[in-house]
């Protein structure tokens, strides 16, 4: 069974033990990786595989919720460490925010982040919500001008951040509230 499971994980058909054509469902649960496979054995040479978790690109790889959150947290960590080298951005990454036009391209987005990093003092993470290829992250960003309450919708494709759409509002001081 271990060889069959390994072949399934690599997207290959298991070696047939019975050459007689048949159709049946096989379910294999992997607790450690959090993957659930559902395989339909159509005949001895064809195995249709479906994963209940999402497929990343056409490479057939999956990312767990934890891997996606780790990718987003590496992005958030750059605001505190001021180190952009650990970011995993796609070449055609985009960044949108309420106070600027859409930025496109890895170098452009990294340049923008390098420009704003000195103004950021602290990040207070509130929550991650993960669904399919999106991670919605809620956090407070303390800047030289006060605290911004931020919601980032981050799209992850092929293990890289493909887009960031930031929504935020500044904390109002008591004079602004009047």
N, C-alpha and C. Protein backbone atom coordinates (compact mmCIF):
# COMPACT_ATOMS: atom_id res chain seq x y z
N UNK A 1 0.81 -1.20 0.00
CA UNK A 1 0.00 0.00 0.00
C UNK A 1 0.86 1.26 0.00
N UNK A 2 2.05 1.21 0.64
CA UNK A 2 2.91 2.38 0.67
C UNK A 2 3.38 2.80 -0.70
N UNK A 3 3.74 1.83 -1.56
CA UNK A 3 4.16 2.16 -2.92
C UNK A 3 3.01 2.76 -3.71
N UNK A 4 1.81 2.22 -3.52
CA UNK A 4 0.64 2.76 -4.21
C UNK A 4 0.40 4.20 -3.77
N UNK A 5 0.47 4.47 -2.48
CA UNK A 5 0.26 5.82 -1.97
C UNK A 5 1.31 6.78 -2.53
N UNK A 6 2.58 6.36 -2.56
CA UNK A 6 3.63 7.22 -3.09
C UNK A 6 3.40 7.52 -4.57
N UNK A 7 2.99 6.50 -5.33
CA UNK A 7 2.72 6.72 -6.76
C UNK A 7 1.53 7.67 -6.93
N UNK A 8 0.52 7.55 -6.07
CA UNK A 8 -0.63 8.45 -6.14
C UNK A 8 -0.22 9.89 -5.85
N UNK A 9 0.65 10.07 -4.84
CA UNK A 9 1.10 11.41 -4.48
C UNK A 9 1.88 12.06 -5.61
N UNK A 10 2.55 11.26 -6.42
CA UNK A 10 3.28 11.80 -7.56
C UNK A 10 2.42 11.91 -8.80
N UNK A 11 1.12 11.59 -8.66
CA UNK A 11 0.21 11.71 -9.79
C UNK A 11 0.28 10.56 -10.76
N UNK A 12 0.83 9.43 -10.35
CA UNK A 12 0.95 8.28 -11.23
C UNK A 12 -0.04 7.20 -10.82
N UNK A 13 -0.34 6.33 -11.74
CA UNK A 13 -1.24 5.21 -11.47
C UNK A 13 -0.52 4.17 -10.63
N UNK A 14 -1.26 3.51 -9.73
CA UNK A 14 -0.63 2.41 -9.00
C UNK A 14 -0.44 1.21 -9.94
N UNK A 15 0.52 0.38 -9.63
CA UNK A 15 0.73 -0.83 -10.43
C UNK A 15 -0.47 -1.75 -10.25
N UNK A 16 -1.08 -2.20 -11.33
CA UNK A 16 -2.28 -3.04 -11.20
C UNK A 16 -1.93 -4.43 -10.67
N UNK A 17 -2.77 -4.93 -9.79
CA UNK A 17 -2.62 -6.30 -9.31
C UNK A 17 -3.59 -7.22 -10.02
N UNK A 18 -4.66 -6.65 -10.52
CA UNK A 18 -5.68 -7.42 -11.23
C UNK A 18 -5.87 -6.79 -12.60
N UNK A 19 -5.52 -7.48 -13.70
CA UNK A 19 -5.61 -6.86 -15.02
C UNK A 19 -7.03 -6.72 -15.54
N UNK A 20 -8.01 -7.19 -14.80
CA UNK A 20 -9.40 -7.13 -15.22
C UNK A 20 -9.93 -5.68 -15.10
N UNK A 21 -10.46 -5.08 -16.20
CA UNK A 21 -10.98 -3.71 -16.10
C UNK A 21 -12.13 -3.62 -15.11
N UNK A 22 -12.16 -2.55 -14.33
CA UNK A 22 -13.22 -2.33 -13.35
C UNK A 22 -13.26 -0.85 -12.97
N UNK A 23 -14.31 -0.46 -12.30
CA UNK A 23 -14.44 0.92 -11.86
C UNK A 23 -14.79 0.91 -10.37
N UNK A 24 -13.99 1.62 -9.57
CA UNK A 24 -14.28 1.72 -8.15
C UNK A 24 -13.64 2.96 -7.57
N UNK A 25 -14.14 3.39 -6.45
CA UNK A 25 -13.62 4.56 -5.76
C UNK A 25 -12.67 4.12 -4.66
N UNK A 26 -11.57 4.81 -4.53
CA UNK A 26 -10.60 4.55 -3.47
C UNK A 26 -10.38 5.87 -2.75
N UNK A 27 -10.45 5.89 -1.44
CA UNK A 27 -10.15 7.10 -0.68
C UNK A 27 -8.93 6.85 0.19
N UNK A 28 -8.01 7.76 0.16
CA UNK A 28 -6.80 7.66 0.97
C UNK A 28 -6.68 8.96 1.75
N UNK A 29 -6.61 8.87 3.05
CA UNK A 29 -6.49 10.08 3.88
C UNK A 29 -5.07 10.17 4.42
N UNK A 30 -4.49 11.34 4.32
CA UNK A 30 -3.16 11.61 4.85
C UNK A 30 -3.30 12.63 5.96
N UNK A 31 -3.13 12.23 7.19
CA UNK A 31 -3.27 13.17 8.29
C UNK A 31 -2.08 14.11 8.40
N UNK A 32 -0.87 13.63 8.20
CA UNK A 32 0.31 14.46 8.38
C UNK A 32 0.33 15.63 7.42
N UNK A 33 0.04 15.38 6.16
CA UNK A 33 0.08 16.45 5.17
C UNK A 33 -1.23 17.16 5.01
N UNK A 34 -2.29 16.67 5.62
CA UNK A 34 -3.59 17.30 5.51
C UNK A 34 -4.23 17.12 4.15
N UNK A 35 -3.75 16.15 3.35
CA UNK A 35 -4.28 15.95 2.01
C UNK A 35 -5.30 14.82 2.02
N UNK A 36 -6.34 14.97 1.27
CA UNK A 36 -7.27 13.87 1.06
C UNK A 36 -7.36 13.64 -0.43
N UNK A 37 -7.08 12.42 -0.85
CA UNK A 37 -7.13 12.05 -2.25
C UNK A 37 -8.39 11.24 -2.49
N UNK A 38 -9.02 11.45 -3.61
CA UNK A 38 -10.10 10.58 -4.04
C UNK A 38 -9.71 10.10 -5.42
N UNK A 39 -9.52 8.81 -5.56
CA UNK A 39 -9.09 8.25 -6.84
C UNK A 39 -10.18 7.36 -7.39
N UNK A 40 -10.40 7.44 -8.67
CA UNK A 40 -11.35 6.57 -9.34
C UNK A 40 -10.57 5.68 -10.29
N UNK A 41 -10.61 4.38 -10.03
CA UNK A 41 -9.92 3.43 -10.89
C UNK A 41 -10.87 3.10 -12.03
N UNK A 42 -10.57 3.62 -13.22
CA UNK A 42 -11.43 3.41 -14.38
C UNK A 42 -11.10 2.08 -15.03
N UNK A 43 -9.86 1.82 -15.28
CA UNK A 43 -9.39 0.50 -15.73
C UNK A 43 -7.95 0.36 -15.28
N UNK A 44 -7.30 -0.70 -15.66
CA UNK A 44 -5.97 -0.97 -15.14
C UNK A 44 -4.93 0.04 -15.60
N UNK A 45 -5.19 0.77 -16.64
CA UNK A 45 -4.22 1.74 -17.14
C UNK A 45 -4.60 3.18 -16.86
N UNK A 46 -5.79 3.42 -16.39
CA UNK A 46 -6.26 4.79 -16.19
C UNK A 46 -6.70 4.98 -14.75
N UNK A 47 -6.18 5.98 -14.13
CA UNK A 47 -6.58 6.34 -12.78
C UNK A 47 -6.87 7.82 -12.77
N UNK A 48 -8.11 8.18 -12.50
CA UNK A 48 -8.49 9.60 -12.44
C UNK A 48 -8.32 10.06 -11.00
N UNK A 49 -7.49 11.07 -10.81
CA UNK A 49 -7.22 11.57 -9.46
C UNK A 49 -7.86 12.93 -9.26
N UNK A 50 -8.43 13.12 -8.08
CA UNK A 50 -8.93 14.42 -7.67
C UNK A 50 -8.44 14.66 -6.25
N UNK A 51 -8.00 15.85 -5.98
CA UNK A 51 -7.66 16.20 -4.61
C UNK A 51 -8.74 17.13 -4.11
N UNK A 52 -9.13 16.96 -2.86
CA UNK A 52 -10.13 17.87 -2.31
C UNK A 52 -9.51 19.21 -1.94
N UNK A 53 -8.20 19.25 -1.78
CA UNK A 53 -7.53 20.54 -1.59
C UNK A 53 -7.24 21.12 -2.97
N UNK A 54 -6.87 22.40 -3.01
CA UNK A 54 -6.70 23.08 -4.29
C UNK A 54 -5.44 22.63 -5.02
N UNK A 55 -5.46 22.73 -6.33
CA UNK A 55 -4.32 22.44 -7.19
C UNK A 55 -3.66 23.77 -7.51
N UNK A 56 -2.37 23.81 -7.39
CA UNK A 56 -1.65 25.05 -7.65
C UNK A 56 -1.12 24.99 -9.08
N UNK A 57 -1.58 25.95 -9.88
CA UNK A 57 -1.15 26.01 -11.28
C UNK A 57 -1.40 24.71 -11.98
N UNK A 58 -0.61 24.40 -12.96
CA UNK A 58 -0.75 23.11 -13.62
C UNK A 58 0.42 22.21 -13.28
N UNK A 59 1.13 22.55 -12.21
CA UNK A 59 2.21 21.69 -11.75
C UNK A 59 1.69 20.55 -10.89
N UNK A 60 0.43 20.65 -10.43
CA UNK A 60 -0.15 19.58 -9.65
C UNK A 60 0.28 19.56 -8.20
N UNK A 61 0.89 20.63 -7.70
CA UNK A 61 1.31 20.69 -6.31
C UNK A 61 0.24 21.37 -5.48
N UNK A 62 0.19 21.02 -4.23
CA UNK A 62 -0.74 21.68 -3.33
C UNK A 62 0.03 22.40 -2.24
N UNK A 63 -0.59 23.42 -1.70
CA UNK A 63 -0.04 24.10 -0.53
C UNK A 63 -1.06 23.95 0.58
N UNK A 64 -0.59 23.63 1.74
CA UNK A 64 -1.48 23.52 2.88
C UNK A 64 -1.84 24.93 3.37
N UNK A 65 -2.84 25.00 4.21
CA UNK A 65 -3.22 26.27 4.83
C UNK A 65 -2.01 26.87 5.55
N UNK A 66 -1.27 26.03 6.28
CA UNK A 66 -0.13 26.50 7.05
C UNK A 66 0.97 27.07 6.15
N UNK A 67 1.19 26.45 4.99
CA UNK A 67 2.20 26.96 4.06
C UNK A 67 1.79 28.32 3.49
N UNK A 68 0.52 28.49 3.20
CA UNK A 68 0.03 29.78 2.69
C UNK A 68 0.16 30.86 3.76
N UNK A 69 -0.22 30.52 4.99
CA UNK A 69 -0.10 31.48 6.09
C UNK A 69 1.36 31.85 6.31
N UNK A 70 2.27 30.87 6.24
CA UNK A 70 3.70 31.15 6.41
C UNK A 70 4.21 32.11 5.34
N UNK A 71 3.73 31.96 4.11
CA UNK A 71 4.11 32.85 3.02
C UNK A 71 3.65 34.28 3.29
N UNK A 72 2.42 34.41 3.77
CA UNK A 72 1.87 35.74 4.09
C UNK A 72 2.58 36.33 5.30
N UNK A 73 2.88 35.51 6.29
CA UNK A 73 3.58 36.04 7.47
C UNK A 73 5.00 36.46 7.15
N UNK A 74 5.64 35.83 6.17
CA UNK A 74 6.96 36.29 5.73
C UNK A 74 6.84 37.68 5.12
N UNK A 75 5.74 37.92 4.40
CA UNK A 75 5.47 39.25 3.85
C UNK A 75 5.28 40.26 4.99
N UNK A 76 4.48 39.91 5.99
CA UNK A 76 4.23 40.82 7.11
C UNK A 76 5.50 41.05 7.93
N UNK A 77 6.33 40.03 8.07
CA UNK A 77 7.57 40.16 8.84
C UNK A 77 8.51 41.19 8.23
N UNK A 78 8.44 41.38 6.92
CA UNK A 78 9.35 42.35 6.30
C UNK A 78 9.11 43.76 6.83
N UNK A 79 7.90 44.05 7.29
CA UNK A 79 7.62 45.39 7.83
C UNK A 79 8.34 45.63 9.15
N UNK A 80 8.58 44.57 9.89
CA UNK A 80 9.28 44.72 11.17
C UNK A 80 10.78 44.54 11.02
N UNK A 81 11.20 43.57 10.19
CA UNK A 81 12.63 43.30 10.03
C UNK A 81 13.29 44.23 9.01
N UNK A 82 12.47 44.85 8.15
CA UNK A 82 12.95 45.74 7.07
C UNK A 82 13.78 44.95 6.05
N UNK A 83 13.56 43.65 5.98
CA UNK A 83 14.30 42.76 5.08
C UNK A 83 13.36 42.21 4.02
N UNK A 84 13.54 42.62 2.77
CA UNK A 84 12.68 42.18 1.67
C UNK A 84 13.18 40.90 0.99
N UNK A 85 14.33 40.39 1.41
CA UNK A 85 14.94 39.25 0.72
C UNK A 85 14.17 37.94 0.88
N UNK A 86 13.34 37.83 1.90
CA UNK A 86 12.63 36.57 2.15
C UNK A 86 11.26 36.53 1.50
N UNK A 87 10.90 37.56 0.74
CA UNK A 87 9.59 37.61 0.11
C UNK A 87 9.57 36.74 -1.13
N UNK A 88 8.46 36.05 -1.32
CA UNK A 88 8.29 35.20 -2.49
C UNK A 88 7.18 35.79 -3.35
N UNK A 89 7.57 36.69 -4.25
CA UNK A 89 6.62 37.36 -5.15
C UNK A 89 6.77 36.78 -6.55
N UNK A 90 5.64 36.65 -7.24
CA UNK A 90 5.66 36.28 -8.65
C UNK A 90 6.25 37.45 -9.44
N UNK A 91 6.82 37.17 -10.60
CA UNK A 91 7.39 38.24 -11.43
C UNK A 91 6.33 39.29 -11.80
N UNK A 92 5.09 38.86 -12.00
CA UNK A 92 4.02 39.79 -12.40
C UNK A 92 3.08 40.13 -11.25
N UNK A 93 3.62 40.15 -10.03
CA UNK A 93 2.82 40.48 -8.84
C UNK A 93 2.21 41.88 -8.97
N UNK A 94 1.02 42.06 -8.40
CA UNK A 94 0.38 43.37 -8.38
C UNK A 94 0.09 43.77 -6.94
N UNK A 95 0.07 45.08 -6.72
CA UNK A 95 -0.26 45.64 -5.40
C UNK A 95 -1.24 46.77 -5.62
N UNK A 96 -2.39 46.69 -4.94
CA UNK A 96 -3.40 47.74 -5.01
C UNK A 96 -3.69 48.25 -3.62
N UNK A 97 -3.88 49.54 -3.52
CA UNK A 97 -4.26 50.14 -2.25
C UNK A 97 -5.18 51.32 -2.51
N UNK A 98 -5.84 51.80 -1.46
CA UNK A 98 -6.82 52.86 -1.64
C UNK A 98 -6.22 54.23 -1.98
N UNK A 99 -4.96 54.44 -1.70
CA UNK A 99 -4.36 55.77 -1.91
C UNK A 99 -3.34 55.80 -3.04
N UNK A 100 -3.40 54.81 -3.95
CA UNK A 100 -2.40 54.76 -5.02
C UNK A 100 -2.95 53.98 -6.21
N UNK A 101 -2.36 54.17 -7.37
CA UNK A 101 -2.76 53.33 -8.51
C UNK A 101 -2.18 51.93 -8.33
N UNK A 102 -2.67 50.98 -9.13
CA UNK A 102 -2.17 49.61 -9.05
C UNK A 102 -0.71 49.58 -9.48
N UNK A 103 0.11 48.89 -8.69
CA UNK A 103 1.51 48.68 -9.03
C UNK A 103 1.64 47.29 -9.61
N UNK A 104 2.46 47.13 -10.65
CA UNK A 104 2.61 45.83 -11.30
C UNK A 104 4.08 45.52 -11.51
N UNK A 105 4.44 44.27 -11.25
CA UNK A 105 5.81 43.81 -11.45
C UNK A 105 6.55 43.68 -10.13
N UNK A 106 7.37 42.65 -10.05
CA UNK A 106 8.09 42.36 -8.81
C UNK A 106 8.97 43.53 -8.37
N UNK A 107 9.77 44.05 -9.26
CA UNK A 107 10.69 45.13 -8.90
C UNK A 107 9.94 46.40 -8.47
N UNK A 108 8.82 46.69 -9.13
CA UNK A 108 8.02 47.88 -8.77
C UNK A 108 7.43 47.73 -7.38
N UNK A 109 6.86 46.57 -7.08
CA UNK A 109 6.25 46.35 -5.77
C UNK A 109 7.33 46.34 -4.67
N UNK A 110 8.46 45.70 -4.94
CA UNK A 110 9.55 45.72 -3.96
C UNK A 110 10.07 47.13 -3.72
N UNK A 111 10.14 47.93 -4.78
CA UNK A 111 10.57 49.32 -4.63
C UNK A 111 9.60 50.12 -3.77
N UNK A 112 8.30 49.90 -3.97
CA UNK A 112 7.28 50.57 -3.16
C UNK A 112 7.42 50.16 -1.69
N UNK A 113 7.57 48.85 -1.44
CA UNK A 113 7.70 48.39 -0.06
C UNK A 113 8.96 48.95 0.59
N UNK A 114 10.06 48.99 -0.15
CA UNK A 114 11.31 49.56 0.38
C UNK A 114 11.11 51.02 0.76
N UNK A 115 10.26 51.72 0.03
CA UNK A 115 9.98 53.13 0.30
C UNK A 115 9.17 53.32 1.58
N UNK A 116 8.20 52.42 1.84
CA UNK A 116 7.34 52.61 3.02
C UNK A 116 7.87 51.93 4.28
N UNK A 117 8.79 50.99 4.16
CA UNK A 117 9.28 50.26 5.33
C UNK A 117 9.80 51.16 6.45
N UNK A 118 10.54 52.22 6.17
CA UNK A 118 11.03 53.05 7.27
C UNK A 118 9.92 53.70 8.10
N UNK A 119 8.74 53.88 7.52
CA UNK A 119 7.63 54.51 8.25
C UNK A 119 6.89 53.54 9.17
N UNK A 120 7.04 52.24 8.95
CA UNK A 120 6.30 51.24 9.73
C UNK A 120 7.07 50.91 11.00
N UNK A 121 6.39 51.05 12.14
CA UNK A 121 7.00 50.77 13.43
C UNK A 121 6.69 49.37 13.94
N UNK A 122 5.45 48.92 13.72
CA UNK A 122 5.02 47.65 14.30
C UNK A 122 3.83 47.10 13.53
N UNK A 123 3.71 45.78 13.57
CA UNK A 123 2.55 45.07 12.99
C UNK A 123 1.92 44.24 14.10
N UNK A 124 0.62 44.35 14.25
CA UNK A 124 -0.12 43.52 15.21
C UNK A 124 -1.11 42.66 14.43
N UNK A 125 -0.76 41.39 14.24
CA UNK A 125 -1.59 40.47 13.48
C UNK A 125 -2.86 40.16 14.25
N UNK A 126 -3.99 40.18 13.55
CA UNK A 126 -5.29 39.87 14.15
C UNK A 126 -5.82 38.52 13.69
N UNK A 127 -5.81 38.26 12.36
CA UNK A 127 -6.44 37.05 11.86
C UNK A 127 -6.04 36.76 10.42
N UNK A 128 -5.97 35.45 10.10
CA UNK A 128 -5.82 34.98 8.72
C UNK A 128 -7.07 34.17 8.38
N UNK A 129 -7.60 34.39 7.20
CA UNK A 129 -8.70 33.58 6.68
C UNK A 129 -8.22 33.03 5.34
N UNK A 130 -8.22 31.70 5.20
CA UNK A 130 -7.68 31.06 4.01
C UNK A 130 -8.80 30.35 3.27
N UNK A 131 -8.92 30.65 1.98
CA UNK A 131 -9.88 29.95 1.13
C UNK A 131 -9.30 29.87 -0.28
N UNK A 132 -9.20 28.64 -0.78
CA UNK A 132 -8.63 28.38 -2.09
C UNK A 132 -7.26 29.03 -2.20
N UNK A 133 -7.05 29.89 -3.20
CA UNK A 133 -5.73 30.50 -3.39
C UNK A 133 -5.62 31.87 -2.73
N UNK A 134 -6.58 32.21 -1.89
CA UNK A 134 -6.58 33.52 -1.23
C UNK A 134 -6.35 33.41 0.27
N UNK A 135 -5.60 34.37 0.79
CA UNK A 135 -5.44 34.54 2.23
C UNK A 135 -5.86 35.97 2.55
N UNK A 136 -6.87 36.08 3.39
CA UNK A 136 -7.31 37.40 3.86
C UNK A 136 -6.68 37.60 5.23
N UNK A 137 -5.94 38.69 5.38
CA UNK A 137 -5.21 38.94 6.61
C UNK A 137 -5.62 40.28 7.19
N UNK A 138 -5.94 40.26 8.47
CA UNK A 138 -6.34 41.47 9.18
C UNK A 138 -5.24 41.79 10.19
N UNK A 139 -4.76 43.03 10.17
CA UNK A 139 -3.70 43.42 11.10
C UNK A 139 -3.73 44.93 11.31
N UNK A 140 -3.12 45.36 12.41
CA UNK A 140 -2.92 46.78 12.68
C UNK A 140 -1.47 47.11 12.35
N UNK A 141 -1.29 48.22 11.64
CA UNK A 141 0.05 48.66 11.26
C UNK A 141 0.31 50.01 11.93
N UNK A 142 1.25 50.01 12.86
CA UNK A 142 1.62 51.26 13.53
C UNK A 142 2.68 51.95 12.68
N UNK A 143 2.38 53.19 12.29
CA UNK A 143 3.30 53.97 11.46
C UNK A 143 3.68 55.24 12.19
N UNK A 144 4.53 56.02 11.57
CA UNK A 144 4.92 57.31 12.13
C UNK A 144 3.71 58.25 12.26
N UNK A 145 2.66 57.99 11.46
CA UNK A 145 1.48 58.86 11.46
C UNK A 145 0.32 58.31 12.30
N UNK A 146 0.50 57.20 12.98
CA UNK A 146 -0.58 56.60 13.77
C UNK A 146 -0.77 55.14 13.41
N UNK A 147 -1.97 54.63 13.69
CA UNK A 147 -2.26 53.22 13.45
C UNK A 147 -3.24 53.09 12.29
N UNK A 148 -2.87 52.23 11.34
CA UNK A 148 -3.77 51.88 10.24
C UNK A 148 -4.32 50.49 10.52
N UNK A 149 -5.63 50.33 10.38
CA UNK A 149 -6.28 49.03 10.48
C UNK A 149 -6.34 48.49 9.06
N UNK A 150 -5.71 47.34 8.82
CA UNK A 150 -5.48 46.87 7.46
C UNK A 150 -6.13 45.50 7.25
N UNK A 151 -6.71 45.35 6.07
CA UNK A 151 -7.20 44.07 5.57
C UNK A 151 -6.52 43.87 4.23
N UNK A 152 -5.67 42.84 4.11
CA UNK A 152 -5.02 42.52 2.85
C UNK A 152 -5.64 41.24 2.28
N UNK A 153 -6.05 41.31 1.02
CA UNK A 153 -6.50 40.11 0.30
C UNK A 153 -5.33 39.70 -0.58
N UNK A 154 -4.73 38.56 -0.26
CA UNK A 154 -3.50 38.13 -0.92
C UNK A 154 -3.79 36.85 -1.70
N UNK A 155 -3.41 36.86 -2.97
CA UNK A 155 -3.61 35.69 -3.83
C UNK A 155 -2.27 34.99 -4.00
N UNK A 156 -2.29 33.67 -3.79
CA UNK A 156 -1.07 32.86 -3.88
C UNK A 156 -1.23 31.87 -5.03
N UNK A 157 -0.27 31.91 -5.96
CA UNK A 157 -0.28 31.01 -7.12
C UNK A 157 1.11 30.42 -7.26
N UNK A 158 1.19 29.12 -7.46
CA UNK A 158 2.47 28.42 -7.64
C UNK A 158 3.46 28.72 -6.51
N UNK A 159 2.96 28.84 -5.29
CA UNK A 159 3.82 29.05 -4.14
C UNK A 159 4.39 30.44 -4.01
N UNK A 160 3.84 31.40 -4.76
CA UNK A 160 4.31 32.78 -4.70
C UNK A 160 3.12 33.72 -4.55
N UNK A 161 3.40 34.89 -3.96
CA UNK A 161 2.36 35.90 -3.86
C UNK A 161 2.16 36.52 -5.23
N UNK A 162 0.94 36.42 -5.74
CA UNK A 162 0.60 36.90 -7.09
C UNK A 162 -0.02 38.29 -7.03
N UNK A 163 -0.81 38.56 -5.98
CA UNK A 163 -1.40 39.89 -5.85
C UNK A 163 -1.70 40.21 -4.39
N UNK A 164 -1.64 41.50 -4.09
CA UNK A 164 -2.00 42.01 -2.77
C UNK A 164 -2.95 43.16 -3.01
N UNK A 165 -4.11 43.09 -2.41
CA UNK A 165 -5.08 44.18 -2.48
C UNK A 165 -5.32 44.62 -1.05
N UNK A 166 -4.83 45.81 -0.72
CA UNK A 166 -4.88 46.32 0.65
C UNK A 166 -6.09 47.26 0.82
N UNK A 167 -6.79 47.06 1.91
CA UNK A 167 -7.89 47.94 2.32
C UNK A 167 -7.55 48.39 3.74
N UNK A 168 -7.61 49.68 4.00
CA UNK A 168 -7.29 50.13 5.36
C UNK A 168 -7.89 51.50 5.64
N UNK A 169 -7.95 51.78 6.93
CA UNK A 169 -8.34 53.11 7.36
C UNK A 169 -7.50 53.47 8.57
N UNK A 170 -7.23 54.74 8.71
CA UNK A 170 -6.41 55.22 9.82
C UNK A 170 -7.25 55.36 11.07
N UNK A 171 -6.61 55.15 12.20
CA UNK A 171 -7.29 55.38 13.47
C UNK A 171 -7.48 56.88 13.63
N UNK A 172 -8.67 57.29 13.97
CA UNK A 172 -8.94 58.71 14.12
C UNK A 172 -8.56 59.19 15.49
N UNK A 173 -7.97 60.38 15.55
CA UNK A 173 -7.67 60.97 16.83
C UNK A 173 -8.96 61.60 17.37
N UNK A 174 -8.98 61.98 18.62
CA UNK A 174 -10.21 62.53 19.23
C UNK A 174 -10.62 63.84 18.55
N UNK A 175 -9.66 64.63 18.07
CA UNK A 175 -10.00 65.88 17.39
C UNK A 175 -10.65 65.63 16.04
N UNK A 176 -10.20 64.58 15.33
CA UNK A 176 -10.79 64.25 14.04
C UNK A 176 -12.20 63.69 14.18
N UNK A 177 -12.50 63.04 15.31
CA UNK A 177 -13.80 62.46 15.52
C UNK A 177 -14.88 63.51 15.77
N UNK A 178 -14.49 64.70 16.24
CA UNK A 178 -15.48 65.76 16.54
C UNK A 178 -16.08 66.36 15.32
